[in-house]
Amino acid sequence: MNFPHLPTVILIVLLSTFLHAKEDLVSVKGVKFAYSTDNWIVAEVKIDPLKNPKGEKARNEDYLDNVKVILTLAYQPKSENLPDNHYDFYRSEVEIITMKTSAPKNIYFALPGSISERDKLSKDPYAWMVEIEVDGQKVEPHKDHLSKKLQKNATSFIAKANAGVSETEDLLVPSYLAPNFVTAKLENQPEFKRKDAE
C-alpha cells in the first residue's frame, strides 16, 4: 500500500484498522472422528476462544460467554436399497457457559453404534461443517470450519443439510447425552448449558 499524502498518524490508524477488521472471535483448531465402544462414532471439535466481541464492555474481557457450537455431518450409508448418491445428514449443538480466551477446549458429539452398524458407516463422514456463535453473534466461517470437500463451495451442502437434518433429529447427540461408556475417557471439555433431548 502507498499513501503518500497521508500524515503518519492517520496512516498508522488505517493500517491498524485494516489488519484487525476481521479478527477472529473463535478458531477451530481441528475436527477428528473415532470409533468408540459398541461402534459409537465420536466427533471431536477443538475450539480456541480468542476475543470477546464486547471488548472492554464485557463483564470480563478475558472470557467469552454463551458460546454455541453447531456440528453438521453428512454420511453415506451402504445399502442396496438406497441410491449411490444418498446421504444422511446429522446435526447437533451445544452451548458453553463461558470460556477463557486462549484456553482451547474439546467439544464432543456422538452418533449411536446401532446406526453406524446398520448403515456400515466409516468413522469419517463424507463432509462436515462447524458453525459458532458468541453471545448470539455468528462467527464468520473460515476454511477450518469446513471439511476439504466443502471449502470451495458449501452452498449446496448447507441447503441439502438444512432439508435433511429433520429426518435424523436428536440422533447425533452432545457428549453429555451419550452413555458413560462412550464418554468416560473424553478430556478437556467445557461446562455446558444442558439441553436434554425431548
Protein backbone atom coordinates (compact mmCIF):
# COMPACT_ATOMS: atom_id res chain seq x y z
CA MET A 1 0.00 0.00 0.00
CA ASN A 2 1.15 3.55 -0.73
CA PHE A 3 -0.45 6.64 0.87
CA PRO A 4 1.99 9.48 0.02
CA HIS A 5 -0.26 12.34 1.15
CA LEU A 6 -1.47 10.97 4.49
CA PRO A 7 0.06 12.08 7.81
CA THR A 8 1.90 9.32 9.64
CA VAL A 9 -0.64 9.12 12.49
CA ILE A 10 -3.57 8.65 10.09
CA LEU A 11 -1.63 6.06 8.13
CA ILE A 12 -0.96 4.04 11.28
CA VAL A 13 -4.67 4.14 12.23
CA LEU A 14 -5.74 2.99 8.75
CA LEU A 15 -3.26 0.13 8.71
CA SER A 16 -4.32 -0.98 12.19
CA THR A 17 -7.98 -0.95 11.15
CA PHE A 18 -7.19 -2.96 8.02
CA LEU A 19 -5.20 -5.59 9.88
CA HIS A 20 -7.73 -6.11 12.67
CA ALA A 21 -11.04 -5.62 10.87
CA LYS A 22 -11.65 -9.34 10.57
CA GLU A 23 -10.05 -10.54 13.77
CA ASP A 24 -11.47 -13.93 14.71
CA LEU A 25 -13.51 -14.44 17.87
CA VAL A 26 -13.09 -18.24 17.94
CA SER A 27 -10.96 -20.52 15.81
CA VAL A 28 -11.48 -24.20 15.03
CA LYS A 29 -8.20 -25.97 15.74
CA GLY A 30 -9.26 -29.35 14.39
CA VAL A 31 -12.07 -31.85 13.86
CA LYS A 32 -11.44 -35.57 14.37
CA PHE A 33 -13.55 -38.73 14.32
CA ALA A 34 -13.08 -42.07 16.07
CA TYR A 35 -14.93 -45.29 16.84
CA SER A 36 -15.76 -45.79 20.50
CA THR A 37 -17.23 -48.70 22.45
CA ASP A 38 -20.01 -50.60 20.63
CA ASN A 39 -19.18 -48.78 17.40
CA TRP A 40 -20.38 -45.38 18.53
CA ILE A 41 -18.79 -42.68 16.37
CA VAL A 42 -17.36 -39.77 18.35
CA ALA A 43 -16.61 -36.39 16.77
CA GLU A 44 -14.10 -34.11 18.49
CA VAL A 45 -14.18 -30.39 17.70
CA LYS A 46 -11.32 -28.41 19.24
CA ILE A 47 -12.02 -24.69 19.51
CA ASP A 48 -9.87 -21.82 20.72
CA PRO A 49 -11.65 -18.72 22.10
CA LEU A 50 -9.66 -15.67 21.01
CA LYS A 51 -11.53 -12.43 21.66
CA ASN A 52 -14.66 -11.24 23.42
CA PRO A 53 -16.84 -9.39 20.85
CA LYS A 54 -17.93 -6.87 23.50
CA GLY A 55 -14.35 -5.87 24.22
CA GLU A 56 -14.00 -3.51 27.18
CA LYS A 57 -17.78 -3.53 27.69
CA ALA A 58 -17.77 -7.24 28.56
CA ARG A 59 -18.26 -8.48 32.11
CA ASN A 60 -14.75 -9.92 31.80
CA GLU A 61 -12.87 -9.24 28.58
CA ASP A 62 -10.80 -12.41 29.04
CA TYR A 63 -13.87 -14.68 28.82
CA LEU A 64 -16.36 -15.46 26.05
CA ASP A 65 -19.90 -16.19 27.25
CA ASN A 66 -22.69 -18.23 25.68
CA VAL A 67 -20.57 -19.90 23.01
CA LYS A 68 -22.71 -22.06 20.74
CA VAL A 69 -21.09 -24.80 18.62
CA ILE A 70 -23.14 -26.49 15.90
CA LEU A 71 -21.81 -29.56 14.07
CA THR A 72 -23.36 -30.85 10.84
CA LEU A 73 -22.28 -34.17 9.32
CA ALA A 74 -23.04 -35.96 6.06
CA TYR A 75 -22.64 -39.74 5.99
CA GLN A 76 -23.16 -42.08 3.04
CA PRO A 77 -24.95 -45.25 4.22
CA LYS A 78 -24.28 -48.54 2.48
CA SER A 79 -27.49 -50.26 1.37
CA GLU A 80 -28.62 -51.99 -1.82
CA ASN A 81 -31.98 -50.25 -1.45
CA LEU A 82 -30.56 -46.73 -1.45
CA PRO A 83 -29.18 -44.83 -4.45
CA ASP A 84 -25.43 -44.37 -4.68
CA ASN A 85 -25.74 -40.63 -4.16
CA HIS A 86 -27.84 -40.86 -0.97
CA TYR A 87 -26.52 -39.06 2.11
CA ASP A 88 -27.88 -38.82 5.65
CA PHE A 89 -27.36 -35.51 7.42
CA TYR A 90 -26.92 -35.19 11.18
CA ARG A 91 -26.78 -32.04 13.28
CA SER A 92 -26.26 -31.30 16.95
CA GLU A 93 -25.34 -28.27 19.02
CA VAL A 94 -24.08 -27.31 22.44
CA GLU A 95 -23.96 -24.02 24.31
CA ILE A 96 -20.96 -23.37 26.53
CA ILE A 97 -21.46 -21.23 29.64
CA THR A 98 -18.16 -19.37 29.39
CA MET A 99 -14.63 -19.90 28.03
CA LYS A 100 -11.34 -18.25 28.92
CA THR A 101 -9.54 -16.75 25.95
CA SER A 102 -6.58 -18.69 24.55
CA ALA A 103 -7.61 -21.79 26.51
CA PRO A 104 -8.71 -24.34 23.86
CA LYS A 105 -11.41 -26.85 24.74
CA ASN A 106 -12.69 -30.05 23.15
CA ILE A 107 -16.34 -30.38 22.19
CA TYR A 108 -17.60 -33.93 21.60
CA PHE A 109 -20.62 -35.27 19.75
CA ALA A 110 -21.62 -38.92 19.38
CA LEU A 111 -23.60 -41.00 16.89
CA PRO A 112 -25.08 -44.28 18.18
CA GLY A 113 -23.33 -47.52 17.33
CA SER A 114 -26.58 -49.11 16.18
CA ILE A 115 -26.75 -46.54 13.36
CA SER A 116 -23.11 -46.93 12.35
CA GLU A 117 -23.57 -50.73 12.28
CA ARG A 118 -26.87 -50.65 10.40
CA ASP A 119 -25.55 -48.29 7.74
CA LYS A 120 -21.98 -49.67 7.67
CA LEU A 121 -20.59 -46.18 8.25
CA SER A 122 -16.96 -45.21 8.11
CA LYS A 123 -15.89 -43.25 11.19
CA ASP A 124 -15.10 -40.29 8.94
CA PRO A 125 -18.11 -38.57 7.36
CA TYR A 126 -18.32 -37.61 3.71
CA ALA A 127 -18.36 -33.96 4.79
CA TRP A 128 -18.71 -31.81 7.91
CA MET A 129 -19.29 -28.20 8.91
CA VAL A 130 -18.85 -26.32 12.20
CA GLU A 131 -20.83 -23.16 12.99
CA ILE A 132 -20.09 -20.96 16.02
CA GLU A 133 -21.94 -18.15 17.77
CA VAL A 134 -20.77 -15.98 20.67
CA ASP A 135 -23.47 -14.23 22.70
CA GLY A 136 -25.82 -14.52 19.73
CA GLN A 137 -23.25 -13.16 17.27
CA LYS A 138 -22.37 -15.53 14.43
CA VAL A 139 -18.65 -16.10 13.92
CA GLU A 140 -17.59 -15.59 10.32
CA PRO A 141 -16.86 -19.06 8.85
CA HIS A 142 -13.36 -19.88 7.66
CA LYS A 143 -11.84 -22.84 5.85
CA ASP A 144 -11.07 -24.54 9.15
CA HIS A 145 -14.84 -24.62 9.82
CA LEU A 146 -15.35 -26.90 6.80
CA SER A 147 -14.11 -30.25 5.59
CA LYS A 148 -11.95 -30.15 2.47
CA LYS A 149 -14.82 -31.20 0.21
CA LEU A 150 -16.74 -28.06 1.18
CA GLN A 151 -14.01 -25.42 1.22
CA LYS A 152 -14.60 -24.33 -2.38
CA ASN A 153 -18.39 -24.35 -2.30
CA ALA A 154 -20.53 -25.19 0.71
CA THR A 155 -23.80 -23.69 -0.57
CA SER A 156 -25.26 -26.94 -1.91
CA PHE A 157 -24.23 -28.86 1.21
CA ILE A 158 -25.89 -26.32 3.51
CA ALA A 159 -29.14 -26.40 1.53
CA LYS A 160 -29.29 -30.21 1.50
CA ALA A 161 -28.30 -30.43 5.17
CA ASN A 162 -30.96 -27.95 6.26
CA ALA A 163 -33.56 -30.05 4.46
CA GLY A 164 -32.23 -33.42 5.61
CA VAL A 165 -31.48 -33.00 9.32
CA SER A 166 -35.16 -33.11 10.25
CA GLU A 167 -35.15 -36.82 9.35
CA THR A 168 -32.37 -37.58 11.85
CA GLU A 169 -33.25 -35.17 14.65
CA ASP A 170 -31.69 -35.98 18.07
CA LEU A 171 -29.61 -38.90 16.73
CA LEU A 172 -26.27 -37.06 16.84
CA VAL A 173 -26.01 -36.02 20.48
CA PRO A 174 -23.70 -33.87 22.65
CA SER A 175 -21.32 -35.79 24.88
CA TYR A 176 -23.41 -35.14 27.97
CA LEU A 177 -26.29 -37.15 26.42
CA ALA A 178 -24.13 -40.08 25.34
CA PRO A 179 -23.68 -43.19 27.53
CA ASN A 180 -20.91 -43.19 30.11
CA PHE A 181 -19.06 -45.99 28.33
CA VAL A 182 -18.66 -43.65 25.35
CA THR A 183 -17.68 -40.50 27.25
CA ALA A 184 -15.57 -41.87 30.12
CA LYS A 185 -12.23 -41.01 28.50
CA LEU A 186 -13.17 -37.72 26.86
CA GLU A 187 -10.98 -34.89 28.15
CA ASN A 188 -10.72 -31.10 28.37
CA GLN A 189 -14.40 -30.33 27.98
CA PRO A 190 -16.01 -27.01 28.99
CA GLU A 191 -19.16 -26.61 31.11
CA PHE A 192 -22.40 -26.65 29.11
CA LYS A 193 -25.86 -25.24 29.39
CA ARG A 194 -27.54 -28.63 29.25
CA LYS A 195 -30.41 -29.10 26.86
CA ASP A 196 -31.65 -32.67 27.10
CA ALA A 197 -33.32 -34.15 24.06
CA GLU A 198 -37.10 -34.15 24.41
